[in-house]
Amino acid sequence: MSDRDSSTELLRKNATCFVNVGAYRRVGPDVEAFEPPGGVARGVFGTRGMEGVGGRLTLSPTALWFHSHRFNFVRVNFGIPLEEIVDVRDASRGPSRQIEVVMRSGVRPRFLVWGVPTVIATINDARGRSAR
């Protein structure tokens, strides 16, 4: 799966992804992966013991992508297929504008991003189109 599958970008926003650094490892010189303890991905995303990784959130017709920028200690690049997304919620707290993406597997990546209502509406619209 690649974010280059389609030249259409439905949404592109600067964002911060909250990552559990303990569940993250470097696989090779250019490849990084999540390797949660015991193979359960639930510990990867959340809020406690987390590191905010800055980057860009991009929505394509097939997936929601996050690519960290090169200034992070931890570099995270991943895509979530739209068919794996069960719900997208406003998880804002006070002035912190956040969305939480609920996946079929139970994984709940959380992103700090401005324009939460627009982001949620655009993702849900893309999910509706991909389900047809």
Protein backbone atom coordinates (compact mmCIF):
# COMPACT_ATOMS: atom_id res chain seq x y z
CA MET A 1 0.00 0.00 0.00
CA SER A 2 1.40 3.36 -0.98
CA ASP A 3 0.18 6.92 -0.66
CA ARG A 4 1.28 7.26 -4.29
CA ASP A 5 -1.48 4.85 -5.44
CA SER A 6 -3.58 7.80 -6.49
CA SER A 7 -2.65 11.31 -7.46
CA THR A 8 -5.78 12.55 -5.67
CA GLU A 9 -5.32 14.03 -2.22
CA LEU A 10 -8.62 14.59 -0.50
CA LEU A 11 -7.03 16.27 2.53
CA ARG A 12 -3.56 17.26 3.67
CA LYS A 13 -2.89 18.69 7.14
CA ASN A 14 0.05 19.22 9.41
CA ALA A 15 -0.46 16.92 12.39
CA THR A 16 1.17 15.30 15.40
CA CYS A 17 0.73 11.57 16.00
CA PHE A 18 1.06 10.24 19.55
CA VAL A 19 3.28 7.14 19.56
CA ASN A 20 4.33 4.74 22.32
CA VAL A 21 8.07 4.71 21.72
CA GLY A 22 8.44 1.42 23.64
CA ALA A 23 6.34 -0.33 20.97
CA TYR A 24 8.42 1.04 18.13
CA ARG A 25 11.65 -0.28 16.66
CA ARG A 26 13.95 0.26 13.70
CA VAL A 27 13.91 -2.71 11.33
CA GLY A 28 16.62 -1.53 8.97
CA PRO A 29 18.43 1.61 7.88
CA ASP A 30 15.38 2.97 6.04
CA VAL A 31 12.55 0.88 7.46
CA GLU A 32 10.85 1.41 10.78
CA ALA A 33 7.95 -0.58 12.21
CA PHE A 34 5.69 -0.96 15.17
CA GLU A 35 6.43 -4.11 17.10
CA PRO A 36 4.11 -4.15 20.08
CA PRO A 37 4.99 -6.48 22.97
CA GLY A 38 3.25 -9.84 22.55
CA GLY A 39 2.10 -8.92 19.07
CA VAL A 40 -0.83 -6.86 20.35
CA ALA A 41 -1.02 -3.50 18.59
CA ARG A 42 -3.18 -1.85 21.27
CA GLY A 43 -0.15 -0.43 23.12
CA VAL A 44 1.18 1.50 20.16
CA PHE A 45 -1.19 4.46 20.25
CA GLY A 46 -2.62 6.26 23.26
CA THR A 47 -1.66 9.10 25.58
CA ARG A 48 0.40 7.89 28.55
CA GLY A 49 4.13 7.45 28.02
CA MET A 50 3.68 8.81 24.54
CA GLU A 51 5.82 10.92 22.30
CA GLY A 52 4.30 13.43 19.92
CA VAL A 53 5.71 12.93 16.43
CA GLY A 54 5.18 15.85 14.06
CA GLY A 55 4.40 15.31 10.41
CA ARG A 56 1.68 15.35 7.82
CA LEU A 57 -1.69 13.61 7.70
CA THR A 58 -2.85 12.91 4.14
CA LEU A 59 -6.13 11.39 3.05
CA SER A 60 -6.25 9.57 -0.27
CA PRO A 61 -9.29 7.80 -1.75
CA THR A 62 -8.02 4.52 -0.28
CA ALA A 63 -6.18 5.31 2.97
CA LEU A 64 -5.32 7.80 5.69
CA TRP A 65 -1.54 8.34 5.75
CA PHE A 66 0.82 9.78 8.33
CA HIS A 67 4.39 10.70 7.43
CA SER A 68 6.63 12.19 10.08
CA HIS A 69 9.02 14.95 9.19
CA ARG A 70 12.75 14.38 9.40
CA PHE A 71 13.29 16.47 12.52
CA ASN A 72 11.75 13.86 14.84
CA PHE A 73 13.76 11.53 17.05
CA VAL A 74 11.29 8.78 16.12
CA ARG A 75 10.18 8.64 12.49
CA VAL A 76 6.77 7.14 11.85
CA ASN A 77 5.28 6.46 8.43
CA PHE A 78 2.11 4.42 8.05
CA GLY A 79 -1.18 4.16 6.22
CA ILE A 80 -4.58 3.10 7.50
CA PRO A 81 -6.82 1.58 4.80
CA LEU A 82 -10.22 3.28 4.87
CA GLU A 83 -12.01 -0.08 5.11
CA GLU A 84 -10.18 -0.69 8.43
CA ILE A 85 -11.55 2.51 10.00
CA VAL A 86 -14.64 1.93 12.15
CA ASP A 87 -15.04 5.47 13.50
CA VAL A 88 -13.32 8.85 13.67
CA ARG A 89 -13.95 10.81 16.87
CA ASP A 90 -13.29 14.28 18.19
CA ALA A 91 -10.91 13.61 21.09
CA SER A 92 -10.12 17.26 21.83
CA ARG A 93 -9.22 18.29 25.36
CA GLY A 94 -9.26 21.96 26.22
CA PRO A 95 -7.30 23.87 23.59
CA SER A 96 -5.73 20.66 22.22
CA ARG A 97 -7.59 19.74 18.99
CA GLN A 98 -7.35 15.98 18.43
CA ILE A 99 -8.99 13.19 16.47
CA GLU A 100 -9.00 9.51 17.36
CA VAL A 101 -9.27 6.94 14.58
CA VAL A 102 -10.89 3.70 15.76
CA MET A 103 -9.76 0.68 13.74
CA ARG A 104 -11.29 -2.81 13.46
CA SER A 105 -8.27 -4.25 15.28
CA GLY A 106 -8.94 -2.05 18.32
CA VAL A 107 -5.95 0.19 17.60
CA ARG A 108 -6.79 3.87 18.18
CA PRO A 109 -4.25 6.23 16.66
CA ARG A 110 -4.63 9.80 17.90
CA PHE A 111 -3.64 12.92 15.99
CA LEU A 112 -3.31 16.53 17.06
CA VAL A 113 -4.67 18.53 14.13
CA TRP A 114 -6.46 21.82 13.46
CA GLY A 115 -9.87 21.84 11.82
CA VAL A 116 -11.18 18.73 13.58
CA PRO A 117 -14.79 18.92 12.24
CA THR A 118 -13.56 19.29 8.65
CA VAL A 119 -11.03 16.46 9.04
CA ILE A 120 -13.65 14.10 10.50
CA ALA A 121 -16.24 14.99 7.83
CA THR A 122 -13.72 14.52 4.99
CA ILE A 123 -12.53 11.13 6.32
CA ASN A 124 -16.12 9.93 6.80
CA ASP A 125 -17.05 11.11 3.31
CA ALA A 126 -14.06 9.21 1.83
CA ARG A 127 -15.03 6.10 3.84
CA GLY A 128 -18.55 6.32 2.42
CA ARG A 129 -17.23 6.56 -1.13
CA SER A 130 -14.78 3.67 -0.70
CA ALA A 131 -17.56 1.42 0.69
CA ARG A 132 -19.55 1.72 -2.56
